PDB file of N, CA and C in Angstrom:
ATOM      1  N   UNK A   1      78.272 144.879   2.910  1.00  0.00           N
ATOM      2  CA  UNK A   1      78.869 145.649   1.835  1.00  0.00           C
ATOM      3  C   UNK A   1      79.705 144.736   0.953  1.00  0.00           C
ATOM      4  N   UNK A   2      79.888 145.167  -0.259  1.00  0.00           N
ATOM      5  CA  UNK A   2      80.649 144.369  -1.196  1.00  0.00           C
ATOM      6  C   UNK A   2      82.152 144.540  -0.968  1.00  0.00           C
ATOM      7  N   UNK A   3      82.897 143.565  -1.448  1.00  0.00           N
ATOM      8  CA  UNK A   3      84.351 143.587  -1.291  1.00  0.00           C
ATOM      9  C   UNK A   3      84.967 144.769  -2.024  1.00  0.00           C
ATOM     10  N   UNK A   4      84.476 145.082  -3.192  1.00  0.00           N
ATOM     11  CA  UNK A   4      85.009 146.200  -3.958  1.00  0.00           C
ATOM     12  C   UNK A   4      84.780 147.526  -3.231  1.00  0.00           C
ATOM     13  N   UNK A   5      83.672 147.641  -2.536  1.00  0.00           N
ATOM     14  CA  UNK A   5      83.396 148.850  -1.763  1.00  0.00           C
ATOM     15  C   UNK A   5      84.413 149.014  -0.644  1.00  0.00           C
ATOM     16  N   UNK A   6      84.704 147.932   0.070  1.00  0.00           N
ATOM     17  CA  UNK A   6      85.687 148.024   1.145  1.00  0.00           C
ATOM     18  C   UNK A   6      87.094 148.231   0.602  1.00  0.00           C
ATOM     19  N   UNK A   7      87.379 147.727  -0.582  1.00  0.00           N
ATOM     20  CA  UNK A   7      88.678 147.995  -1.205  1.00  0.00           C
ATOM     21  C   UNK A   7      88.811 149.481  -1.528  1.00  0.00           C
ATOM     22  N   UNK A   8      87.744 150.086  -2.014  1.00  0.00           N
ATOM     23  CA  UNK A   8      87.767 151.520  -2.300  1.00  0.00           C
ATOM     24  C   UNK A   8      87.895 152.333  -1.014  1.00  0.00           C
ATOM     25  N   UNK A   9      87.181 151.914   0.026  1.00  0.00           N
ATOM     26  CA  UNK A   9      87.286 152.600   1.319  1.00  0.00           C
ATOM     27  C   UNK A   9      88.699 152.448   1.871  1.00  0.00           C
ATOM     28  N   UNK A  10      89.285 151.261   1.756  1.00  0.00           N
ATOM     29  CA  UNK A  10      90.655 151.043   2.223  1.00  0.00           C
ATOM     30  C   UNK A  10      91.623 151.950   1.470  1.00  0.00           C
ATOM     31  N   UNK A  11      91.444 152.079   0.168  1.00  0.00           N
ATOM     32  CA  UNK A  11      92.311 152.929  -0.643  1.00  0.00           C
ATOM     33  C   UNK A  11      92.268 154.373  -0.168  1.00  0.00           C
ATOM     34  N   UNK A  12      91.064 154.896   0.067  1.00  0.00           N
ATOM     35  CA  UNK A  12      90.919 156.278   0.516  1.00  0.00           C
ATOM     36  C   UNK A  12      91.495 156.451   1.920  1.00  0.00           C
ATOM     37  N   UNK A  13      91.196 155.522   2.823  1.00  0.00           N
ATOM     38  CA  UNK A  13      91.707 155.602   4.192  1.00  0.00           C
ATOM     39  C   UNK A  13      93.227 155.484   4.199  1.00  0.00           C
ATOM     40  N   UNK A  14      93.777 154.635   3.338  1.00  0.00           N
ATOM     41  CA  UNK A  14      95.238 154.472   3.271  1.00  0.00           C
ATOM     42  C   UNK A  14      95.904 155.788   2.898  1.00  0.00           C
ATOM     43  N   UNK A  15      95.373 156.482   1.902  1.00  0.00           N
ATOM     44  CA  UNK A  15      95.966 157.758   1.494  1.00  0.00           C
ATOM     45  C   UNK A  15      95.818 158.816   2.577  1.00  0.00           C
ATOM     46  N   UNK A  16      94.677 158.848   3.247  1.00  0.00           N
ATOM     47  CA  UNK A  16      94.512 159.803   4.342  1.00  0.00           C
ATOM     48  C   UNK A  16      95.506 159.530   5.459  1.00  0.00           C
ATOM     49  N   UNK A  17      95.668 158.266   5.811  1.00  0.00           N
ATOM     50  CA  UNK A  17      96.628 157.899   6.854  1.00  0.00           C
ATOM     51  C   UNK A  17      98.049 158.225   6.429  1.00  0.00           C
ATOM     52  N   UNK A  18      98.359 158.034   5.157  1.00  0.00           N
ATOM     53  CA  UNK A  18      99.711 158.341   4.678  1.00  0.00           C
ATOM     54  C   UNK A  18     100.032 159.813   4.880  1.00  0.00           C
ATOM     55  N   UNK A  19      99.098 160.691   4.522  1.00  0.00           N
ATOM     56  CA  UNK A  19      99.360 162.114   4.695  1.00  0.00           C
ATOM     57  C   UNK A  19      99.397 162.523   6.165  1.00  0.00           C
ATOM     58  N   UNK A  20      98.771 161.765   7.032  1.00  0.00           N
ATOM     59  CA  UNK A  20      98.858 162.029   8.465  1.00  0.00           C
ATOM     60  C   UNK A  20     100.208 161.561   9.004  1.00  0.00           C
ATOM     61  N   UNK A  21     100.713 160.425   8.510  1.00  0.00           N
ATOM     62  CA  UNK A  21     101.937 159.817   9.033  1.00  0.00           C
ATOM     63  C   UNK A  21     103.204 160.456   8.449  1.00  0.00           C
ATOM     64  N   UNK A  22     103.135 161.007   7.260  1.00  0.00           N
ATOM     65  CA  UNK A  22     104.338 161.514   6.592  1.00  0.00           C
ATOM     66  C   UNK A  22     105.178 162.496   7.414  1.00  0.00           C
ATOM     67  N   UNK A  23     104.605 163.460   8.101  1.00  0.00           N
ATOM     68  CA  UNK A  23     105.463 164.410   8.824  1.00  0.00           C
ATOM     69  C   UNK A  23     106.112 163.870  10.105  1.00  0.00           C
ATOM     70  N   UNK A  24     105.699 162.714  10.598  1.00  0.00           N
ATOM     71  CA  UNK A  24     106.240 162.204  11.857  1.00  0.00           C
ATOM     72  C   UNK A  24     107.718 161.853  11.712  1.00  0.00           C
ATOM     73  N   UNK A  25     108.528 162.359  12.601  1.00  0.00           N
ATOM     74  CA  UNK A  25     109.943 161.996  12.664  1.00  0.00           C
ATOM     75  C   UNK A  25     110.806 162.572  11.565  1.00  0.00           C
ATOM     76  N   UNK A  26     110.320 163.579  10.865  1.00  0.00           N
ATOM     77  CA  UNK A  26     111.097 164.160   9.767  1.00  0.00           C
ATOM     78  C   UNK A  26     112.077 165.179  10.325  1.00  0.00           C
ATOM     79  N   UNK A  27     113.313 165.045   9.905  1.00  0.00           N
ATOM     80  CA  UNK A  27     114.346 166.003  10.259  1.00  0.00           C
ATOM     81  C   UNK A  27     114.834 166.636   8.956  1.00  0.00           C
ATOM     82  N   UNK A  28     114.723 167.947   8.852  1.00  0.00           N
ATOM     83  CA  UNK A  28     115.101 168.619   7.616  1.00  0.00           C
ATOM     84  C   UNK A  28     116.620 168.783   7.538  1.00  0.00           C
ATOM     85  N   UNK A  29     117.094 169.088   6.335  1.00  0.00           N
ATOM     86  CA  UNK A  29     118.529 169.306   6.153  1.00  0.00           C
ATOM     87  C   UNK A  29     118.997 170.536   6.918  1.00  0.00           C
ATOM     88  N   UNK A  30     118.107 171.494   7.101  1.00  0.00           N
ATOM     89  CA  UNK A  30     118.454 172.686   7.870  1.00  0.00           C
ATOM     90  C   UNK A  30     118.696 172.335   9.340  1.00  0.00           C
ATOM     91  N   UNK A  31     117.913 171.400   9.878  1.00  0.00           N
ATOM     92  CA  UNK A  31     118.051 170.986  11.275  1.00  0.00           C
ATOM     93  C   UNK A  31     119.223 170.031  11.488  1.00  0.00           C
ATOM     94  N   UNK A  32     119.664 169.371  10.428  1.00  0.00           N
ATOM     95  CA  UNK A  32     120.727 168.381  10.535  1.00  0.00           C
ATOM     96  C   UNK A  32     122.073 169.082  10.670  1.00  0.00           C
ATOM     97  N   UNK A  33     122.978 168.501  11.443  1.00  0.00           N
ATOM     98  CA  UNK A  33     124.290 169.098  11.663  1.00  0.00           C
ATOM     99  C   UNK A  33     125.217 168.971  10.456  1.00  0.00           C
ATOM    100  N   UNK A  34     124.974 167.980   9.598  1.00  0.00           N
ATOM    101  CA  UNK A  34     125.862 167.747   8.463  1.00  0.00           C
ATOM    102  C   UNK A  34     125.688 168.774   7.357  1.00  0.00           C
ATOM    103  N   UNK A  35     124.677 169.590   7.411  1.00  0.00           N
ATOM    104  CA  UNK A  35     124.439 170.571   6.364  1.00  0.00           C
ATOM    105  C   UNK A  35     123.549 170.006   5.279  1.00  0.00           C
ATOM    106  N   UNK A  36     123.360 170.789   4.238  1.00  0.00           N
ATOM    107  CA  UNK A  36     122.458 170.371   3.175  1.00  0.00           C
ATOM    108  C   UNK A  36     123.237 169.836   1.980  1.00  0.00           C
ATOM    109  N   UNK A  37     122.570 169.027   1.191  1.00  0.00           N
ATOM    110  CA  UNK A  37     123.136 168.468  -0.022  1.00  0.00           C
ATOM    111  C   UNK A  37     122.997 169.509  -1.126  1.00  0.00           C
ATOM    112  N   UNK A  38     124.022 169.673  -1.922  1.00  0.00           N
ATOM    113  CA  UNK A  38     123.965 170.649  -2.999  1.00  0.00           C
ATOM    114  C   UNK A  38     122.842 170.322  -3.978  1.00  0.00           C
ATOM    115  N   UNK A  39     122.114 171.348  -4.392  1.00  0.00           N
ATOM    116  CA  UNK A  39     121.033 171.168  -5.343  1.00  0.00           C
ATOM    117  C   UNK A  39     119.690 170.873  -4.712  1.00  0.00           C
ATOM    118  N   UNK A  40     119.613 170.850  -3.394  1.00  0.00           N
ATOM    119  CA  UNK A  40     118.336 170.612  -2.711  1.00  0.00           C
ATOM    120  C   UNK A  40     118.032 171.777  -1.783  1.00  0.00           C
ATOM    121  N   UNK A  41     116.772 171.897  -1.420  1.00  0.00           N
ATOM    122  CA  UNK A  41     116.392 172.962  -0.490  1.00  0.00           C
ATOM    123  C   UNK A  41     116.705 172.535   0.937  1.00  0.00           C
ATOM    124  N   UNK A  42     116.801 173.523   1.805  1.00  0.00           N
ATOM    125  CA  UNK A  42     117.100 173.220   3.207  1.00  0.00           C
ATOM    126  C   UNK A  42     115.949 172.505   3.897  1.00  0.00           C
ATOM    127  N   UNK A  43     114.741 172.610   3.357  1.00  0.00           N
ATOM    128  CA  UNK A  43     113.577 171.978   3.981  1.00  0.00           C
ATOM    129  C   UNK A  43     113.394 170.523   3.542  1.00  0.00           C
ATOM    130  N   UNK A  44     114.260 170.017   2.675  1.00  0.00           N
ATOM    131  CA  UNK A  44     114.170 168.624   2.244  1.00  0.00           C
ATOM    132  C   UNK A  44     114.538 167.703   3.401  1.00  0.00           C
ATOM    133  N   UNK A  45     113.842 166.571   3.557  1.00  0.00           N
ATOM    134  CA  UNK A  45     114.135 165.674   4.669  1.00  0.00           C
ATOM    135  C   UNK A  45     115.468 164.950   4.476  1.00  0.00           C
ATOM    136  N   UNK A  46     116.136 164.683   5.607  1.00  0.00           N
ATOM    137  CA  UNK A  46     117.408 163.960   5.571  1.00  0.00           C
ATOM    138  C   UNK A  46     117.131 162.485   5.307  1.00  0.00           C
ATOM    139  N   UNK A  47     116.300 161.870   6.122  1.00  0.00           N
ATOM    140  CA  UNK A  47     115.892 160.464   5.951  1.00  0.00           C
ATOM    141  C   UNK A  47     114.376 160.406   6.034  1.00  0.00           C
ATOM    142  N   UNK A  48     113.674 160.316   4.903  1.00  0.00           N
ATOM    143  CA  UNK A  48     112.213 160.335   4.953  1.00  0.00           C
ATOM    144  C   UNK A  48     111.585 159.055   5.487  1.00  0.00           C
ATOM    145  N   UNK A  49     112.302 157.919   5.488  1.00  0.00           N
ATOM    146  CA  UNK A  49     111.811 156.634   6.007  1.00  0.00           C
ATOM    147  C   UNK A  49     110.463 156.256   5.380  1.00  0.00           C
ATOM    148  N   UNK A  50     110.372 156.309   4.066  1.00  0.00           N
ATOM    149  CA  UNK A  50     109.104 156.087   3.379  1.00  0.00           C
ATOM    150  C   UNK A  50     108.605 154.653   3.483  1.00  0.00           C
ATOM    151  N   UNK A  51     109.501 153.681   3.482  1.00  0.00           N
ATOM    152  CA  UNK A  51     109.064 152.289   3.587  1.00  0.00           C
ATOM    153  C   UNK A  51     108.425 152.034   4.957  1.00  0.00           C
ATOM    154  N   UNK A  52     109.058 152.517   5.996  1.00  0.00           N
ATOM    155  CA  UNK A  52     108.512 152.359   7.345  1.00  0.00           C
ATOM    156  C   UNK A  52     107.159 153.046   7.471  1.00  0.00           C
ATOM    157  N   UNK A  53     107.054 154.249   6.904  1.00  0.00           N
ATOM    158  CA  UNK A  53     105.799 154.985   6.983  1.00  0.00           C
ATOM    159  C   UNK A  53     104.704 154.312   6.157  1.00  0.00           C
ATOM    160  N   UNK A  54     105.069 153.709   5.034  1.00  0.00           N
ATOM    161  CA  UNK A  54     104.086 152.976   4.230  1.00  0.00           C
ATOM    162  C   UNK A  54     103.575 151.754   4.990  1.00  0.00           C
ATOM    163  N   UNK A  55     104.462 151.069   5.705  1.00  0.00           N
ATOM    164  CA  UNK A  55     104.044 149.912   6.501  1.00  0.00           C
ATOM    165  C   UNK A  55     103.136 150.335   7.655  1.00  0.00           C
ATOM    166  N   UNK A  56     103.495 151.408   8.331  1.00  0.00           N
ATOM    167  CA  UNK A  56     102.663 151.923   9.425  1.00  0.00           C
ATOM    168  C   UNK A  56     101.300 152.338   8.885  1.00  0.00           C
ATOM    169  N   UNK A  57     101.296 153.002   7.736  1.00  0.00           N
ATOM    170  CA  UNK A  57     100.049 153.432   7.112  1.00  0.00           C
ATOM    171  C   UNK A  57      99.177 152.242   6.756  1.00  0.00           C
ATOM    172  N   UNK A  58      99.788 151.181   6.241  1.00  0.00           N
ATOM    173  CA  UNK A  58      99.042 149.985   5.862  1.00  0.00           C
ATOM    174  C   UNK A  58      98.374 149.354   7.082  1.00  0.00           C
ATOM    175  N   UNK A  59      99.095 149.276   8.177  1.00  0.00           N
ATOM    176  CA  UNK A  59      98.539 148.682   9.400  1.00  0.00           C
ATOM    177  C   UNK A  59      97.422 149.557   9.964  1.00  0.00           C
ATOM    178  N   UNK A  60      97.650 150.863  10.040  1.00  0.00           N
ATOM    179  CA  UNK A  60      96.638 151.762  10.605  1.00  0.00           C
ATOM    180  C   UNK A  60      95.388 151.766   9.732  1.00  0.00           C
ATOM    181  N   UNK A  61      95.550 151.817   8.422  1.00  0.00           N
ATOM    182  CA  UNK A  61      94.394 151.797   7.518  1.00  0.00           C
ATOM    183  C   UNK A  61      93.647 150.470   7.634  1.00  0.00           C
ATOM    184  N   UNK A  62      94.378 149.370   7.805  1.00  0.00           N
ATOM    185  CA  UNK A  62      93.731 148.074   7.983  1.00  0.00           C
ATOM    186  C   UNK A  62      92.899 148.025   9.250  1.00  0.00           C
ATOM    187  N   UNK A  63      93.407 148.603  10.324  1.00  0.00           N
ATOM    188  CA  UNK A  63      92.666 148.636  11.589  1.00  0.00           C
ATOM    189  C   UNK A  63      91.415 149.500  11.443  1.00  0.00           C
ATOM    190  N   UNK A  64      91.551 150.665  10.815  1.00  0.00           N
ATOM    191  CA  UNK A  64      90.406 151.562  10.645  1.00  0.00           C
ATOM    192  C   UNK A  64      89.328 150.904   9.787  1.00  0.00           C
ATOM    193  N   UNK A  65      89.715 150.306   8.665  1.00  0.00           N
ATOM    194  CA  UNK A  65      88.741 149.656   7.794  1.00  0.00           C
ATOM    195  C   UNK A  65      88.162 148.418   8.482  1.00  0.00           C
ATOM    196  N   UNK A  66      88.968 147.713   9.255  1.00  0.00           N
ATOM    197  CA  UNK A  66      88.456 146.578  10.017  1.00  0.00           C
ATOM    198  C   UNK A  66      87.403 147.010  11.026  1.00  0.00           C
ATOM    199  N   UNK A  67      87.630 148.132  11.695  1.00  0.00           N
ATOM    200  CA  UNK A  67      86.636 148.663  12.626  1.00  0.00           C
ATOM    201  C   UNK A  67      85.365 149.083  11.900  1.00  0.00           C
ATOM    202  N   UNK A  68      85.525 149.686  10.717  1.00  0.00           N
ATOM    203  CA  UNK A  68      84.346 150.041   9.927  1.00  0.00           C
ATOM    204  C   UNK A  68      83.577 148.796   9.491  1.00  0.00           C
ATOM    205  N   UNK A  69      84.287 147.755   9.117  1.00  0.00           N
ATOM    206  CA  UNK A  69      83.647 146.495   8.717  1.00  0.00           C
ATOM    207  C   UNK A  69      82.894 145.882   9.890  1.00  0.00           C
ATOM    208  N   UNK A  70      83.527 145.897  11.066  1.00  0.00           N
ATOM    209  CA  UNK A  70      82.896 145.361  12.273  1.00  0.00           C
ATOM    210  C   UNK A  70      81.649 146.166  12.639  1.00  0.00           C
ATOM    211  N   UNK A  71      81.766 147.510  12.563  1.00  0.00           N
ATOM    212  CA  UNK A  71      80.623 148.371  12.886  1.00  0.00           C
ATOM    213  C   UNK A  71      79.493 148.171  11.890  1.00  0.00           C
ATOM    214  N   UNK A  72      79.831 147.903  10.649  1.00  0.00           N
ATOM    215  CA  UNK A  72      78.796 147.639   9.649  1.00  0.00           C
ATOM    216  C   UNK A  72      78.087 146.324   9.959  1.00  0.00           C
ATOM    217  N   UNK A  73      78.824 145.320  10.356  1.00  0.00           N
ATOM    218  CA  UNK A  73      78.221 144.023  10.656  1.00  0.00           C
ATOM    219  C   UNK A  73      77.431 144.010  11.951  1.00  0.00           C
ATOM    220  N   UNK A  74      77.962 144.661  12.981  1.00  0.00           N
ATOM    221  CA  UNK A  74      77.316 144.634  14.298  1.00  0.00           C
ATOM    222  C   UNK A  74      76.146 145.612  14.429  1.00  0.00           C
ATOM    223  N   UNK A  75      76.354 146.819  13.931  1.00  0.00           N
ATOM    224  CA  UNK A  75      75.386 147.886  14.177  1.00  0.00           C
ATOM    225  C   UNK A  75      74.699 148.390  12.911  1.00  0.00           C
ATOM    226  N   UNK A  76      75.050 147.835  11.760  1.00  0.00           N
ATOM    227  CA  UNK A  76      74.460 148.304  10.513  1.00  0.00           C
ATOM    228  C   UNK A  76      74.914 149.696  10.134  1.00  0.00           C
ATOM    229  N   UNK A  77      76.101 150.075  10.578  1.00  0.00           N
ATOM    230  CA  UNK A  77      76.634 151.403  10.294  1.00  0.00           C
ATOM    231  C   UNK A  77      76.994 151.498   8.816  1.00  0.00           C
ATOM    232  N   UNK A  78      76.369 152.428   8.126  1.00  0.00           N
ATOM    233  CA  UNK A  78      76.675 152.679   6.723  1.00  0.00           C
ATOM    234  C   UNK A  78      76.431 154.151   6.436  1.00  0.00           C
ATOM    235  N   UNK A  79      76.639 154.556   5.190  1.00  0.00           N
ATOM    236  CA  UNK A  79      76.501 155.966   4.828  1.00  0.00           C
ATOM    237  C   UNK A  79      75.081 156.470   5.066  1.00  0.00           C
ATOM    238  N   UNK A  80      74.107 155.655   4.757  1.00  0.00           N
ATOM    239  CA  UNK A  80      72.717 156.065   4.938  1.00  0.00           C
ATOM    240  C   UNK A  80      72.401 156.282   6.412  1.00  0.00           C
ATOM    241  N   UNK A  81      72.900 155.413   7.285  1.00  0.00           N
ATOM    242  CA  UNK A  81      72.652 155.563   8.725  1.00  0.00           C
ATOM    243  C   UNK A  81      73.384 156.779   9.290  1.00  0.00           C
ATOM    244  N   UNK A  82      74.585 157.029   8.817  1.00  0.00           N
ATOM    245  CA  UNK A  82      75.390 158.149   9.312  1.00  0.00           C
ATOM    246  C   UNK A  82      74.839 159.482   8.820  1.00  0.00           C
ATOM    247  N   UNK A  83      74.234 159.507   7.633  1.00  0.00           N
ATOM    248  CA  UNK A  83      73.740 160.767   7.065  1.00  0.00           C
ATOM    249  C   UNK A  83      72.652 161.403   7.939  1.00  0.00           C
ATOM    250  N   UNK A  84      71.943 160.610   8.701  1.00  0.00           N
ATOM    251  CA  UNK A  84      70.900 161.150   9.580  1.00  0.00           C
ATOM    252  C   UNK A  84      71.488 161.918  10.766  1.00  0.00           C
ATOM    253  N   UNK A  85      72.748 161.685  11.088  1.00  0.00           N
ATOM    254  CA  UNK A  85      73.383 162.405  12.192  1.00  0.00           C
ATOM    255  C   UNK A  85      73.615 163.861  11.844  1.00  0.00           C
ATOM    256  N   UNK A  86      73.713 164.185  10.552  1.00  0.00           N
ATOM    257  CA  UNK A  86      74.083 165.515  10.123  1.00  0.00           C
ATOM    258  C   UNK A  86      72.902 166.342   9.594  1.00  0.00           C
ATOM    259  N   UNK A  87      71.706 165.900   9.874  1.00  0.00           N
ATOM    260  CA  UNK A  87      70.524 166.635   9.418  1.00  0.00           C
ATOM    261  C   UNK A  87      70.186 167.736  10.372  1.00  0.00           C
TER     262      UNK A  87
END
């Protein structure tokens, strides 16, 4: 596969992983003992830790795309080969 194709796959996998990782470890203002900040909803996160989650997402997406790259090289796994599984 071409490099641009894997870059596009990495982009899509990265966003999917981000939405999977975002809710982990979130504590809302309602759950926090300090109360809520004026002007925000009670469901707003106290510390969203977005940088940490972006780093985790980058690593997980890299592993997933690396496995896809390996499977493509070793077994010829591609969209055309996978499409026959769903017939």
